[in-house]
Amino acid sequence: MTRPYTDSTTTTKDTTMTSPKFTKRRLAALVLAAGLTVGLGACSTANASGGGSATDPVYFGVSAAITGQYAQYGEQFKKAFDLAAEEINAAGGINGRPVALKYEDSQSDPKQSVAVAQKFVGDKSVVLVFGDYSSAASIPASPLYTSGKLLQYGFNNSNPAFTEKGTDYQWSTSITTNATYTWLADYVKSKGVKSVGVTYLNTADWGIPAFKAFKDEADKVGLTITDAEGVLDTSDDYRPSLTKAVAGQPEAFVHVGYGPDAAKLVTQLRAIGYKGTFFGGQDEKSFDGTPDAEGSIIGAQFIETSSTPAVAAFVKAFKAKYPNEAHVTSFEAGAYDALHVAVAAAKLGGATRDGVLKGFQQVKDVPSIVYGKISFDTSTRRVASPQLTPTILTGGKWVEYKG
């Protein structure tokens, strides 16, 4: 603001600069400039702590696959986040401040997620980061979030290592793979099944530990695994592995994996003539729309067809906002819940990085589409007492299974 005056002193000897009138003008300019500097300094201080003014948005970061093989999940998360943000802001936001989301494309790739973490940690307006889709992408980024004192909310991260190897800054509302596949072994055995063939994703970060949890429980309860084959989710031909897995004529078949790979796998499983019950898959578009997936059974936390008023209201609101979406899955429900949990924590502890962490350590009984209510076990930084319900895929939709 004082630059024009400085320039004039170097090029001219205008005597008006020493006049009383100019002195007053210059003094006023300097005072104004000082005021702006103080104001900017105050803003910088607020932004450094992730706070902002009383009317600035409260920013949450989202590290997710916008492109790449997991992009469908990033799209599902974004739709749910945007719906939740609209509802939260219509209700007054966080103490009058609107909620806003900053998205970065990690492709759910570990290298990209680390770069995204560096960017979010450096953006002092961001008070919390959601993500990533996979534990494999989240875990490598965790040390950066910890060093930046930025809470990493891996709401979809089921690998126990995400929180076990993490710090106070890693939290999740996802049931762990250990709990999921221990439950599955118990459930399969409870249905009178004596033997199963198994395929599992041959990945060190998720598939192998998940299969180990299943096998350990199967051995404990007397469920025989006739054969287990490691596969990759990038494969298009599972027939050699499937032929080995069913050679011992198991009564049922279990796949430890994701939805897209399960969709290809169950089609090929039926093509080689296996007719036993398939335990596997996910509530997502590619698997739900696969004809050979009909009759598959999994344990679920969210069921779109539930008559629970809160679930029905969420599904109705989601389809009203996105009329082309005929189906709402646990991925949308999980993201929707996650933003509400983060907002509840920010209201409780304060809309800063430190405040959000404090809020997560104290928040209880947040209304949830997935669980009914969410509270954390602060010793594990996981949702307390998660429950699974057996569901069966019927007519392209998952419904509670009581058979």
Protein backbone atom coordinates (compact mmCIF):
# COMPACT_ATOMS: atom_id res chain seq x y z
CA MET A 1 0.00 0.00 0.00
CA THR A 2 2.92 2.45 0.64
CA ARG A 3 4.78 1.45 -2.54
CA PRO A 4 3.71 4.54 -4.61
CA TYR A 5 5.11 6.88 -1.98
CA THR A 6 8.41 4.99 -1.87
CA ASP A 7 8.73 5.15 -5.63
CA SER A 8 8.07 8.90 -5.62
CA THR A 9 10.84 9.57 -3.12
CA THR A 10 13.37 7.85 -5.34
CA THR A 11 12.41 9.70 -8.51
CA THR A 12 11.36 13.16 -7.38
CA LYS A 13 11.93 15.75 -4.74
CA ASP A 14 8.32 16.76 -4.40
CA THR A 15 8.16 19.12 -1.46
CA THR A 16 4.63 18.04 -0.66
CA MET A 17 6.15 15.01 1.09
CA THR A 18 7.32 17.19 3.92
CA SER A 19 4.13 19.18 4.22
CA PRO A 20 1.90 18.69 7.26
CA LYS A 21 -0.91 17.46 4.98
CA PHE A 22 1.30 14.75 3.42
CA THR A 23 2.68 13.72 6.80
CA LYS A 24 -0.84 13.05 8.01
CA ARG A 25 -1.66 11.12 4.87
CA ARG A 26 1.50 9.06 5.13
CA LEU A 27 0.89 8.37 8.81
CA ALA A 28 -2.62 7.22 8.03
CA ALA A 29 -1.30 4.93 5.29
CA LEU A 30 1.30 3.44 7.57
CA VAL A 31 -1.26 2.82 10.29
CA LEU A 32 -3.56 1.13 7.77
CA ALA A 33 -0.70 -0.97 6.45
CA ALA A 34 0.27 -2.00 9.96
CA GLY A 35 -3.32 -2.91 10.68
CA LEU A 36 -3.43 -5.12 7.59
CA THR A 37 -0.18 -6.77 8.59
CA VAL A 38 -1.50 -7.55 12.04
CA GLY A 39 -4.72 -8.86 10.51
CA LEU A 40 -2.83 -11.09 8.08
CA GLY A 41 -0.63 -12.28 10.91
CA ALA A 42 -3.68 -13.19 12.94
CA CYS A 43 -5.12 -15.10 9.98
CA SER A 44 -1.81 -16.90 9.50
CA THR A 45 -1.78 -17.88 13.15
CA ALA A 46 -5.32 -19.19 12.93
CA ASN A 47 -4.60 -21.09 9.72
CA ALA A 48 -1.43 -22.57 11.18
CA SER A 49 -3.52 -24.33 13.78
CA GLY A 50 -6.20 -25.24 11.26
CA GLY A 51 -8.67 -22.91 12.90
CA GLY A 52 -9.74 -19.95 10.76
CA SER A 53 -12.17 -17.19 11.61
CA ALA A 54 -15.68 -17.58 12.95
CA THR A 55 -17.13 -17.51 9.42
CA ASP A 56 -14.46 -19.40 7.45
CA PRO A 57 -15.29 -22.94 6.27
CA VAL A 58 -14.00 -25.86 8.30
CA TYR A 59 -12.00 -27.90 5.80
CA PHE A 60 -11.72 -31.68 5.82
CA GLY A 61 -9.39 -33.40 3.36
CA VAL A 62 -10.28 -36.54 1.40
CA SER A 63 -7.53 -38.83 0.12
CA ALA A 64 -9.27 -41.17 -2.32
CA ALA A 65 -9.08 -42.82 -5.71
CA ILE A 66 -10.58 -40.35 -8.15
CA THR A 67 -8.87 -42.17 -11.03
CA GLY A 68 -7.43 -45.68 -11.38
CA GLN A 69 -8.78 -49.14 -10.65
CA TYR A 70 -10.51 -48.08 -7.41
CA ALA A 71 -12.11 -44.93 -8.80
CA GLN A 72 -15.62 -46.31 -8.34
CA TYR A 73 -15.11 -46.21 -4.58
CA GLY A 74 -13.84 -42.65 -4.69
CA GLU A 75 -16.97 -41.65 -6.58
CA GLN A 76 -19.18 -43.41 -4.04
CA PHE A 77 -17.41 -41.71 -1.14
CA LYS A 78 -17.68 -38.28 -2.76
CA LYS A 79 -21.42 -38.55 -3.35
CA ALA A 80 -22.02 -39.52 0.28
CA PHE A 81 -19.67 -36.83 1.63
CA ASP A 82 -21.37 -34.16 -0.48
CA LEU A 83 -24.83 -35.22 0.69
CA ALA A 84 -23.73 -35.21 4.33
CA ALA A 85 -22.06 -31.80 3.94
CA GLU A 86 -25.23 -30.30 2.47
CA GLU A 87 -27.31 -31.59 5.37
CA ILE A 88 -24.79 -30.49 7.99
CA ASN A 89 -24.51 -26.99 6.53
CA ALA A 90 -28.28 -26.65 6.27
CA ALA A 91 -28.38 -27.40 10.01
CA GLY A 92 -25.84 -24.67 10.84
CA GLY A 93 -22.51 -26.37 10.14
CA ILE A 94 -20.00 -26.37 12.98
CA ASN A 95 -21.07 -23.60 15.31
CA GLY A 96 -22.14 -21.48 12.37
CA ARG A 97 -19.13 -22.30 10.17
CA PRO A 98 -19.82 -24.23 6.96
CA VAL A 99 -18.19 -27.59 6.32
CA ALA A 100 -16.14 -27.98 3.12
CA LEU A 101 -14.16 -30.85 1.61
CA LYS A 102 -10.87 -30.79 -0.27
CA TYR A 103 -10.34 -33.81 -2.52
CA GLU A 104 -6.99 -35.19 -3.67
CA ASP A 105 -6.55 -38.14 -6.04
CA SER A 106 -4.41 -40.86 -4.46
CA GLN A 107 -5.55 -43.57 -6.89
CA SER A 108 -5.44 -45.59 -3.64
CA ASP A 109 -1.78 -46.14 -4.47
CA PRO A 110 0.77 -45.99 -1.62
CA LYS A 111 3.14 -43.67 -3.49
CA GLN A 112 0.35 -41.29 -4.39
CA SER A 113 -1.21 -41.38 -0.93
CA VAL A 114 2.12 -40.28 0.60
CA ALA A 115 2.27 -37.33 -1.79
CA VAL A 116 -1.32 -36.45 -0.93
CA ALA A 117 -0.49 -36.62 2.77
CA GLN A 118 2.39 -34.19 2.30
CA LYS A 119 0.04 -31.77 0.59
CA PHE A 120 -2.66 -32.00 3.25
CA VAL A 121 -0.20 -31.70 6.13
CA GLY A 122 1.14 -28.52 4.53
CA ASP A 123 -2.36 -27.08 4.10
CA LYS A 124 -2.97 -25.65 7.56
CA SER A 125 -6.65 -25.02 6.85
CA VAL A 126 -7.31 -28.80 6.83
CA VAL A 127 -8.22 -30.10 10.30
CA LEU A 128 -8.75 -33.81 9.46
CA VAL A 129 -8.22 -36.15 6.50
CA PHE A 130 -10.48 -39.01 5.45
CA GLY A 131 -8.93 -42.00 3.75
CA ASP A 132 -7.56 -43.75 2.04
CA TYR A 133 -9.87 -46.37 0.48
CA SER A 134 -7.44 -49.21 1.16
CA SER A 135 -5.30 -49.87 4.19
CA ALA A 136 -2.37 -50.48 1.83
CA ALA A 137 -2.56 -46.86 0.74
CA SER A 138 -3.36 -45.45 4.17
CA ILE A 139 -0.65 -47.06 6.28
CA PRO A 140 2.38 -45.68 4.40
CA ALA A 141 0.95 -42.17 4.76
CA SER A 142 0.31 -42.47 8.51
CA PRO A 143 3.73 -41.26 9.71
CA LEU A 144 3.28 -38.03 7.76
CA TYR A 145 -0.14 -37.35 9.26
CA THR A 146 1.24 -38.10 12.71
CA SER A 147 4.19 -35.73 12.29
CA GLY A 148 1.80 -33.04 11.09
CA LYS A 149 -0.56 -33.69 14.02
CA LEU A 150 -3.35 -34.18 11.50
CA LEU A 151 -5.93 -36.84 12.33
CA GLN A 152 -6.19 -39.57 9.68
CA TYR A 153 -9.68 -41.03 9.69
CA GLY A 154 -9.45 -44.31 7.77
CA PHE A 155 -13.14 -45.04 7.99
CA ASN A 156 -12.82 -47.79 5.36
CA ASN A 157 -9.56 -49.30 6.64
CA SER A 158 -10.19 -52.80 7.96
CA ASN A 159 -6.57 -53.92 8.30
CA PRO A 160 -5.91 -54.06 12.07
CA ALA A 161 -2.39 -52.70 11.44
CA PHE A 162 -3.82 -49.31 10.48
CA THR A 163 -4.57 -48.55 14.10
CA GLU A 164 -2.33 -51.13 15.80
CA LYS A 165 0.81 -49.67 14.23
CA GLY A 166 -0.55 -46.15 14.20
CA THR A 167 -0.59 -43.44 16.83
CA ASP A 168 -3.24 -41.29 18.46
CA TYR A 169 -3.79 -39.76 15.01
CA GLN A 170 -5.12 -42.93 13.27
CA TRP A 171 -8.82 -43.75 13.82
CA SER A 172 -11.31 -46.01 12.05
CA THR A 173 -14.97 -46.95 12.16
CA SER A 174 -14.42 -50.02 9.98
CA ILE A 175 -14.71 -53.47 11.49
CA THR A 176 -11.33 -55.22 11.18
CA THR A 177 -10.62 -58.02 8.73
CA ASN A 178 -9.76 -60.24 11.69
CA ALA A 179 -13.21 -59.72 13.19
CA THR A 180 -14.94 -60.11 9.82
CA TYR A 181 -13.30 -63.36 8.81
CA THR A 182 -13.39 -64.84 12.29
CA TRP A 183 -17.13 -64.17 12.20
CA LEU A 184 -17.37 -65.76 8.75
CA ALA A 185 -15.66 -68.99 9.81
CA ASP A 186 -17.95 -69.23 12.82
CA TYR A 187 -21.02 -68.50 10.72
CA VAL A 188 -20.21 -71.01 7.98
CA LYS A 189 -19.61 -73.71 10.58
CA SER A 190 -22.87 -72.79 12.35
CA LYS A 191 -24.80 -73.53 9.14
CA GLY A 192 -23.67 -77.14 9.25
CA VAL A 193 -20.96 -76.78 6.61
CA LYS A 194 -18.03 -79.13 7.23
CA SER A 195 -15.61 -78.21 4.42
CA VAL A 196 -14.79 -75.21 2.22
CA GLY A 197 -12.53 -74.39 -0.68
CA VAL A 198 -10.91 -70.96 -0.41
CA THR A 199 -9.40 -68.29 -2.62
CA TYR A 200 -7.86 -65.18 -1.11
CA LEU A 201 -6.14 -62.08 -2.39
CA ASN A 202 -2.42 -62.77 -2.24
CA THR A 203 -1.54 -59.37 -0.79
CA ALA A 204 0.59 -58.94 2.32
CA ASP A 205 -1.27 -55.88 3.58
CA TRP A 206 -4.81 -57.27 3.46
CA GLY A 207 -5.55 -60.61 1.82
CA ILE A 208 -3.01 -62.81 3.58
CA PRO A 209 -3.78 -61.51 7.11
CA ALA A 210 -7.51 -61.80 6.41
CA PHE A 211 -7.13 -65.39 5.22
CA LYS A 212 -5.00 -66.20 8.28
CA ALA A 213 -7.78 -64.92 10.55
CA PHE A 214 -10.28 -67.13 8.71
CA LYS A 215 -8.01 -70.19 8.77
CA ASP A 216 -7.15 -69.82 12.46
CA GLU A 217 -10.83 -69.71 13.38
CA ALA A 218 -11.71 -72.51 10.94
CA ASP A 219 -9.08 -74.73 12.57
CA LYS A 220 -10.44 -73.79 16.00
CA VAL A 221 -14.07 -74.67 15.21
CA GLY A 222 -13.36 -77.72 13.05
CA LEU A 223 -14.16 -76.28 9.62
CA THR A 224 -12.00 -78.11 7.06
CA ILE A 225 -10.30 -76.12 4.30
CA THR A 226 -9.84 -78.59 1.46
CA ASP A 227 -7.57 -76.22 -0.45
CA ALA A 228 -6.68 -72.53 -0.36
CA GLU A 229 -5.33 -70.61 -3.36
CA GLY A 230 -3.84 -67.12 -3.40
CA VAL A 231 -5.01 -64.97 -6.33
CA LEU A 232 -4.63 -61.37 -7.50
CA ASP A 233 -7.41 -58.86 -7.98
CA THR A 234 -5.87 -57.83 -11.32
CA SER A 235 -6.29 -61.31 -12.80
CA ASP A 236 -8.85 -62.10 -15.48
CA ASP A 237 -8.50 -65.87 -15.39
CA TYR A 238 -9.02 -67.60 -12.05
CA ARG A 239 -9.90 -71.01 -13.48
CA PRO A 240 -6.59 -72.78 -12.71
CA SER A 241 -6.79 -71.72 -9.06
CA LEU A 242 -10.50 -72.49 -8.82
CA THR A 243 -10.04 -75.96 -10.28
CA LYS A 244 -7.50 -76.73 -7.55
CA ALA A 245 -9.67 -75.19 -4.83
CA VAL A 246 -12.69 -77.36 -5.63
CA ALA A 247 -10.81 -80.56 -6.45
CA GLY A 248 -11.49 -81.84 -2.92
CA GLN A 249 -15.25 -81.36 -3.41
CA PRO A 250 -15.84 -78.85 -0.60
CA GLU A 251 -19.42 -78.27 0.55
CA ALA A 252 -19.11 -74.49 0.17
CA PHE A 253 -16.70 -71.92 -1.22
CA VAL A 254 -15.16 -68.86 0.45
CA HIS A 255 -13.46 -65.95 -1.28
CA VAL A 256 -11.44 -63.49 0.79
CA GLY A 257 -11.35 -60.42 -1.43
CA TYR A 258 -13.10 -57.38 -2.85
CA GLY A 259 -16.20 -57.02 -5.01
CA PRO A 260 -14.76 -56.61 -8.52
CA ASP A 261 -12.44 -59.62 -8.26
CA ALA A 262 -15.20 -61.66 -6.62
CA ALA A 263 -17.52 -60.83 -9.53
CA LYS A 264 -15.11 -62.34 -12.04
CA LEU A 265 -14.23 -65.21 -9.77
CA VAL A 266 -17.78 -66.37 -8.96
CA THR A 267 -18.68 -66.32 -12.67
CA GLN A 268 -15.73 -68.57 -13.47
CA LEU A 269 -16.46 -70.75 -10.45
CA ARG A 270 -19.95 -71.47 -11.76
CA ALA A 271 -18.58 -71.94 -15.28
CA ILE A 272 -16.39 -74.86 -14.15
CA GLY A 273 -19.49 -76.50 -12.65
CA TYR A 274 -19.24 -75.77 -8.92
CA LYS A 275 -22.71 -75.39 -7.38
CA GLY A 276 -22.05 -74.99 -3.64
CA THR A 277 -22.88 -71.84 -1.67
CA PHE A 278 -20.52 -68.92 -2.32
CA PHE A 279 -19.47 -66.91 0.73
CA GLY A 280 -17.84 -63.73 -0.53
CA GLY A 281 -18.16 -60.57 -2.55
CA GLN A 282 -19.05 -57.05 -1.52
CA ASP A 283 -22.06 -54.79 -1.68
CA GLU A 284 -20.85 -52.88 -4.74
CA LYS A 285 -22.04 -52.43 -8.32
CA SER A 286 -19.96 -54.96 -10.23
CA PHE A 287 -20.65 -57.82 -7.83
CA ASP A 288 -24.30 -56.97 -7.20
CA GLY A 289 -24.94 -56.91 -10.94
CA THR A 290 -23.30 -60.28 -11.65
CA PRO A 291 -25.95 -62.97 -12.33
CA ASP A 292 -23.77 -65.77 -10.94
CA ALA A 293 -23.37 -63.87 -7.67
CA GLU A 294 -27.04 -64.45 -6.85
CA GLY A 295 -27.35 -66.31 -3.56
CA SER A 296 -23.95 -65.23 -2.24
CA ILE A 297 -23.72 -64.69 1.51
CA ILE A 298 -21.64 -62.20 3.50
CA GLY A 299 -21.73 -60.50 6.89
CA ALA A 300 -22.83 -56.88 6.59
CA GLN A 301 -22.95 -53.80 8.78
CA PHE A 302 -25.24 -51.78 6.49
CA ILE A 303 -28.31 -53.15 4.71
CA GLU A 304 -30.04 -50.82 2.26
CA THR A 305 -33.31 -52.72 2.58
CA SER A 306 -33.44 -52.22 6.36
CA SER A 307 -36.71 -50.81 7.67
CA THR A 308 -34.87 -48.78 10.33
CA PRO A 309 -36.18 -45.18 10.01
CA ALA A 310 -32.71 -43.61 9.91
CA VAL A 311 -31.55 -45.98 7.16
CA ALA A 312 -34.75 -45.47 5.17
CA ALA A 313 -34.40 -41.68 5.43
CA PHE A 314 -30.76 -41.81 4.31
CA VAL A 315 -31.52 -44.04 1.33
CA LYS A 316 -34.41 -41.78 0.31
CA ALA A 317 -32.27 -38.64 0.56
CA PHE A 318 -29.41 -40.24 -1.35
CA LYS A 319 -31.62 -41.37 -4.22
CA ALA A 320 -33.34 -37.98 -4.33
CA LYS A 321 -29.98 -36.24 -4.75
CA TYR A 322 -28.66 -38.87 -7.16
CA PRO A 323 -31.72 -40.16 -9.06
CA ASN A 324 -29.60 -42.31 -11.36
CA GLU A 325 -28.31 -44.34 -8.42
CA ALA A 326 -30.64 -47.28 -7.98
CA HIS A 327 -28.59 -48.85 -5.20
CA VAL A 328 -26.99 -47.52 -2.02
CA THR A 329 -24.15 -49.55 -0.51
CA SER A 330 -22.11 -49.73 2.67
CA PHE A 331 -19.44 -47.57 1.01
CA GLU A 332 -21.78 -44.59 0.76
CA ALA A 333 -23.16 -45.27 4.22
CA GLY A 334 -19.68 -45.45 5.73
CA ALA A 335 -18.59 -42.14 4.20
CA TYR A 336 -21.84 -40.45 5.22
CA ASP A 337 -21.34 -41.61 8.80
CA ALA A 338 -17.70 -40.58 8.78
CA LEU A 339 -18.39 -36.92 8.05
CA HIS A 340 -21.03 -36.80 10.78
CA VAL A 341 -18.56 -38.31 13.26
CA ALA A 342 -15.86 -35.81 12.29
CA VAL A 343 -18.27 -32.90 12.65
CA ALA A 344 -19.44 -34.16 16.06
CA ALA A 345 -15.81 -34.34 17.18
CA ALA A 346 -15.06 -30.82 15.89
CA LYS A 347 -18.11 -29.45 17.71
CA LEU A 348 -16.99 -31.12 20.90
CA GLY A 349 -13.25 -30.37 20.85
CA GLY A 350 -12.96 -27.42 18.48
CA ALA A 351 -12.49 -26.94 14.73
CA THR A 352 -8.69 -27.18 14.83
CA ARG A 353 -6.33 -30.12 14.41
CA ASP A 354 -5.82 -30.35 18.16
CA GLY A 355 -9.52 -29.84 18.80
CA VAL A 356 -10.59 -32.59 16.40
CA LEU A 357 -8.21 -35.05 18.07
CA LYS A 358 -9.61 -34.09 21.47
CA GLY A 359 -13.13 -34.55 20.12
CA PHE A 360 -12.39 -38.05 18.82
CA GLN A 361 -11.08 -39.01 22.24
CA GLN A 362 -14.33 -37.89 23.86
CA VAL A 363 -17.15 -38.32 21.35
CA LYS A 364 -19.88 -40.85 22.17
CA ASP A 365 -23.12 -42.17 20.68
CA VAL A 366 -22.99 -40.29 17.37
CA PRO A 367 -26.11 -41.28 15.35
CA SER A 368 -25.02 -43.74 12.66
CA ILE A 369 -26.56 -45.23 9.53
CA VAL A 370 -24.25 -48.23 9.78
CA TYR A 371 -24.21 -48.99 13.52
CA GLY A 372 -27.15 -47.10 14.97
CA LYS A 373 -24.74 -45.20 17.21
CA ILE A 374 -20.97 -44.78 17.10
CA SER A 375 -18.62 -44.62 20.06
CA PHE A 376 -14.92 -45.39 20.03
CA ASP A 377 -12.88 -47.75 22.11
CA THR A 378 -10.11 -45.22 22.75
CA SER A 379 -7.59 -47.98 23.53
CA THR A 380 -7.87 -49.29 19.95
CA ARG A 381 -9.21 -46.15 18.21
CA ARG A 382 -11.80 -48.39 16.55
CA VAL A 383 -15.56 -48.35 16.76
CA ALA A 384 -16.69 -50.11 19.92
CA SER A 385 -18.54 -53.45 19.62
CA PRO A 386 -19.21 -53.62 15.85
CA GLN A 387 -21.79 -56.18 14.78
CA LEU A 388 -22.28 -58.14 11.56
CA THR A 389 -25.56 -59.41 10.13
CA PRO A 390 -25.71 -62.32 7.64
CA THR A 391 -27.04 -61.10 4.29
CA ILE A 392 -27.81 -62.80 1.00
CA LEU A 393 -27.77 -61.32 -2.51
CA THR A 394 -31.28 -61.59 -3.94
CA GLY A 395 -32.39 -59.86 -7.12
CA GLY A 396 -29.27 -57.69 -7.11
CA LYS A 397 -29.84 -56.47 -3.54
CA TRP A 398 -28.58 -57.65 -0.18
CA VAL A 399 -31.21 -58.61 2.35
CA GLU A 400 -30.94 -60.07 5.83
CA TYR A 401 -30.51 -63.82 5.61
CA LYS A 402 -32.44 -65.92 8.10
CA GLY A 403 -31.98 -69.30 6.49
